[in-house]
Amino acid sequence: PRDEPPNQGSDGGTPSNRWVDFHGEQRSNATHQSRTDPEALLAKKGPGKEARLAYAAHALMENHNGLLVGLQVTQATGTAEGDVVPRLIDEARDDGFRPQTLGADKGYL
C-alpha cells in the first residue's frame, strides 16, 4: 500500500512482502505502488486477467517487410497508445518514412 512504510526483511536490509496471499483484495494504482519501481502501473492484458505492474511498449512496423520503424515505452495508463502512435508516425515521417496506409490492432483506441 502507498501509505504503509516498508517492512524490513529477515536479513535486515531488503523490504519483505507481507502481502503474499492477496487473493480477493482490491488493488488499484490509487491505493498501491511498487516499492522498487514507483513509475510502473497496474495493468491488465484483457478482461478477467490479473493486473500486473507493467509498462506499455508501442511499436510502429512497416507492413511489407515487417521492419521496426519506431518504438516507445510509456506508462501503462490504458490510453497511452492513442497519444503515442501519432507522435511515432510524425517522427517516422521526419526520418523519411512515407506510409501510404496504416493498420492498427483491435486494442487501438
C-alpha atoms as a PDB file:
ATOM      1  CA  PRO A   1       0.000   0.000   0.000  1.00  0.00           C
ATOM      2  CA  ARG A   2       1.098   3.579  -0.715  1.00  0.00           C
ATOM      3  CA  ASP A   3       0.689   4.841   2.865  1.00  0.00           C
ATOM      4  CA  GLU A   4       2.416   1.906   4.582  1.00  0.00           C
ATOM      5  CA  PRO A   5       6.122   2.116   5.498  1.00  0.00           C
ATOM      6  CA  PRO A   6       8.259  -0.701   4.067  1.00  0.00           C
ATOM      7  CA  ASN A   7       8.928  -3.656   6.350  1.00  0.00           C
ATOM      8  CA  GLN A   8      12.452  -4.889   6.861  1.00  0.00           C
ATOM      9  CA  GLY A   9      13.197  -8.385   5.588  1.00  0.00           C
ATOM     10  CA  SER A  10      14.705 -11.142   7.678  1.00  0.00           C
ATOM     11  CA  ASP A  11      18.188 -10.060   6.579  1.00  0.00           C
ATOM     12  CA  GLY A  12      17.541  -6.541   7.905  1.00  0.00           C
ATOM     13  CA  GLY A  13      18.036  -4.801   4.568  1.00  0.00           C
ATOM     14  CA  THR A  14      15.556  -5.803   1.889  1.00  0.00           C
ATOM     15  CA  PRO A  15      11.859  -4.940   2.392  1.00  0.00           C
ATOM     16  CA  SER A  16       9.701  -8.041   2.817  1.00  0.00           C
ATOM     17  CA  ASN A  17       6.413  -8.713   1.066  1.00  0.00           C
ATOM     18  CA  ARG A  18       3.797  -9.242   3.758  1.00  0.00           C
ATOM     19  CA  TRP A  19       1.076  -9.431   1.069  1.00  0.00           C
ATOM     20  CA  VAL A  20       1.920 -12.968  -0.004  1.00  0.00           C
ATOM     21  CA  ASP A  21      -1.753 -14.069  -0.113  1.00  0.00           C
ATOM     22  CA  PHE A  22      -3.637 -11.182  -1.744  1.00  0.00           C
ATOM     23  CA  HIS A  23      -6.447 -13.107  -3.492  1.00  0.00           C
ATOM     24  CA  GLY A  24      -9.743 -11.230  -3.231  1.00  0.00           C
ATOM     25  CA  GLU A  25      -8.102  -7.958  -2.222  1.00  0.00           C
ATOM     26  CA  GLN A  26      -8.882  -4.968  -4.428  1.00  0.00           C
ATOM     27  CA  ARG A  27      -5.774  -3.141  -5.618  1.00  0.00           C
ATOM     28  CA  SER A  28      -5.508  -0.081  -7.831  1.00  0.00           C
ATOM     29  CA  ASN A  29      -2.903   2.452  -8.867  1.00  0.00           C
ATOM     30  CA  ALA A  30      -4.517   4.914  -6.428  1.00  0.00           C
ATOM     31  CA  THR A  31      -4.024   2.613  -3.439  1.00  0.00           C
ATOM     32  CA  HIS A  32      -0.878   0.590  -4.256  1.00  0.00           C
ATOM     33  CA  GLN A  33       2.561   1.296  -5.666  1.00  0.00           C
ATOM     34  CA  SER A  34       5.708  -0.698  -6.398  1.00  0.00           C
ATOM     35  CA  ARG A  35       8.470  -0.048  -3.885  1.00  0.00           C
ATOM     36  CA  THR A  36      11.214  -0.898  -6.392  1.00  0.00           C
ATOM     37  CA  ASP A  37       9.741   0.867  -9.472  1.00  0.00           C
ATOM     38  CA  PRO A  38       7.190   3.547  -8.482  1.00  0.00           C
ATOM     39  CA  GLU A  39       6.547   4.502 -12.123  1.00  0.00           C
ATOM     40  CA  ALA A  40       5.183   1.025 -13.026  1.00  0.00           C
ATOM     41  CA  LEU A  41       1.381   0.873 -13.057  1.00  0.00           C
ATOM     42  CA  LEU A  42      -1.099  -1.954 -12.602  1.00  0.00           C
ATOM     43  CA  ALA A  43      -2.403  -3.093 -15.993  1.00  0.00           C
ATOM     44  CA  LYS A  44      -4.464  -5.976 -17.385  1.00  0.00           C
ATOM     45  CA  LYS A  45      -3.931  -7.600 -20.776  1.00  0.00           C
ATOM     46  CA  GLY A  46      -7.621  -8.461 -21.091  1.00  0.00           C
ATOM     47  CA  PRO A  47     -10.927  -8.914 -19.269  1.00  0.00           C
ATOM     48  CA  GLY A  48     -10.709 -11.455 -16.465  1.00  0.00           C
ATOM     49  CA  LYS A  49      -6.901 -11.377 -16.439  1.00  0.00           C
ATOM     50  CA  GLU A  50      -4.858 -10.465 -13.392  1.00  0.00           C
ATOM     51  CA  ALA A  51      -3.397  -6.976 -13.035  1.00  0.00           C
ATOM     52  CA  ARG A  52       0.400  -6.779 -13.098  1.00  0.00           C
ATOM     53  CA  LEU A  53       2.868  -3.974 -12.648  1.00  0.00           C
ATOM     54  CA  ALA A  54       3.861  -3.095 -16.190  1.00  0.00           C
ATOM     55  CA  TYR A  55       4.783  -0.593 -18.853  1.00  0.00           C
ATOM     56  CA  ALA A  56       3.360  -0.319 -22.368  1.00  0.00           C
ATOM     57  CA  ALA A  57       5.569  -0.741 -25.444  1.00  0.00           C
ATOM     58  CA  HIS A  58       4.394   0.816 -28.709  1.00  0.00           C
ATOM     59  CA  ALA A  59       5.950  -0.398 -31.957  1.00  0.00           C
ATOM     60  CA  LEU A  60       5.499   1.177 -35.391  1.00  0.00           C
ATOM     61  CA  MET A  61       6.071  -1.519 -38.006  1.00  0.00           C
ATOM     62  CA  GLU A  62       6.461  -1.389 -41.766  1.00  0.00           C
ATOM     63  CA  ASN A  63       3.913  -3.947 -43.052  1.00  0.00           C
ATOM     64  CA  HIS A  64       5.572  -5.148 -46.262  1.00  0.00           C
ATOM     65  CA  ASN A  65       8.845  -6.403 -44.731  1.00  0.00           C
ATOM     66  CA  GLY A  66       7.937  -6.377 -41.031  1.00  0.00           C
ATOM     67  CA  LEU A  67      10.642  -3.858 -40.152  1.00  0.00           C
ATOM     68  CA  LEU A  68      10.540  -1.886 -36.920  1.00  0.00           C
ATOM     69  CA  VAL A  69      10.281   1.824 -37.782  1.00  0.00           C
ATOM     70  CA  GLY A  70       9.651   3.315 -34.323  1.00  0.00           C
ATOM     71  CA  LEU A  71       9.437   2.198 -30.703  1.00  0.00           C
ATOM     72  CA  GLN A  72       8.458   3.933 -27.483  1.00  0.00           C
ATOM     73  CA  VAL A  73       7.860   2.652 -23.938  1.00  0.00           C
ATOM     74  CA  THR A  74       5.366   4.514 -21.730  1.00  0.00           C
ATOM     75  CA  GLN A  75       3.442   4.034 -18.516  1.00  0.00           C
ATOM     76  CA  ALA A  76       0.579   1.559 -18.890  1.00  0.00           C
ATOM     77  CA  THR A  77      -2.257   4.062 -18.484  1.00  0.00           C
ATOM     78  CA  GLY A  78      -4.701   2.238 -20.758  1.00  0.00           C
ATOM     79  CA  THR A  79      -4.949   5.188 -23.154  1.00  0.00           C
ATOM     80  CA  ALA A  80      -1.263   5.797 -23.885  1.00  0.00           C
ATOM     81  CA  GLU A  81      -1.376   4.174 -27.333  1.00  0.00           C
ATOM     82  CA  GLY A  82      -3.733   6.823 -28.695  1.00  0.00           C
ATOM     83  CA  ASP A  83      -1.318   9.526 -27.533  1.00  0.00           C
ATOM     84  CA  VAL A  84       1.916   7.856 -28.652  1.00  0.00           C
ATOM     85  CA  VAL A  85       1.097   6.499 -32.118  1.00  0.00           C
ATOM     86  CA  PRO A  86       0.553   9.877 -33.843  1.00  0.00           C
ATOM     87  CA  ARG A  87       3.894  11.030 -32.418  1.00  0.00           C
ATOM     88  CA  LEU A  88       5.634   7.865 -33.663  1.00  0.00           C
ATOM     89  CA  ILE A  89       4.198   8.386 -37.150  1.00  0.00           C
ATOM     90  CA  ASP A  90       5.281  12.051 -37.217  1.00  0.00           C
ATOM     91  CA  GLU A  91       8.809  11.118 -36.110  1.00  0.00           C
ATOM     92  CA  ALA A  92       8.991   8.412 -38.799  1.00  0.00           C
ATOM     93  CA  ARG A  93       7.841  10.926 -41.444  1.00  0.00           C
ATOM     94  CA  ASP A  94      10.566  13.332 -40.299  1.00  0.00           C
ATOM     95  CA  ASP A  95      13.058  10.491 -40.878  1.00  0.00           C
ATOM     96  CA  GLY A  96      11.807   9.970 -44.455  1.00  0.00           C
ATOM     97  CA  PHE A  97       9.248   7.187 -43.904  1.00  0.00           C
ATOM     98  CA  ARG A  98       6.204   7.795 -46.118  1.00  0.00           C
ATOM     99  CA  PRO A  99       3.359   5.424 -45.204  1.00  0.00           C
ATOM    100  CA  GLN A 100       0.528   5.069 -47.705  1.00  0.00           C
ATOM    101  CA  THR A 101      -1.718   3.003 -45.423  1.00  0.00           C
ATOM    102  CA  LEU A 102      -1.992   2.493 -41.692  1.00  0.00           C
ATOM    103  CA  GLY A 103      -3.224  -0.570 -39.803  1.00  0.00           C
ATOM    104  CA  ALA A 104      -3.848  -0.940 -36.075  1.00  0.00           C
ATOM    105  CA  ASP A 105      -4.610  -3.830 -33.745  1.00  0.00           C
ATOM    106  CA  LYS A 106      -8.058  -4.264 -32.231  1.00  0.00           C
ATOM    107  CA  GLY A 107      -6.923  -2.657 -28.954  1.00  0.00           C
ATOM    108  CA  TYR A 108      -6.090   0.659 -30.603  1.00  0.00           C
ATOM    109  CA  LEU A 109      -8.321   3.480 -29.383  1.00  0.00           C
END
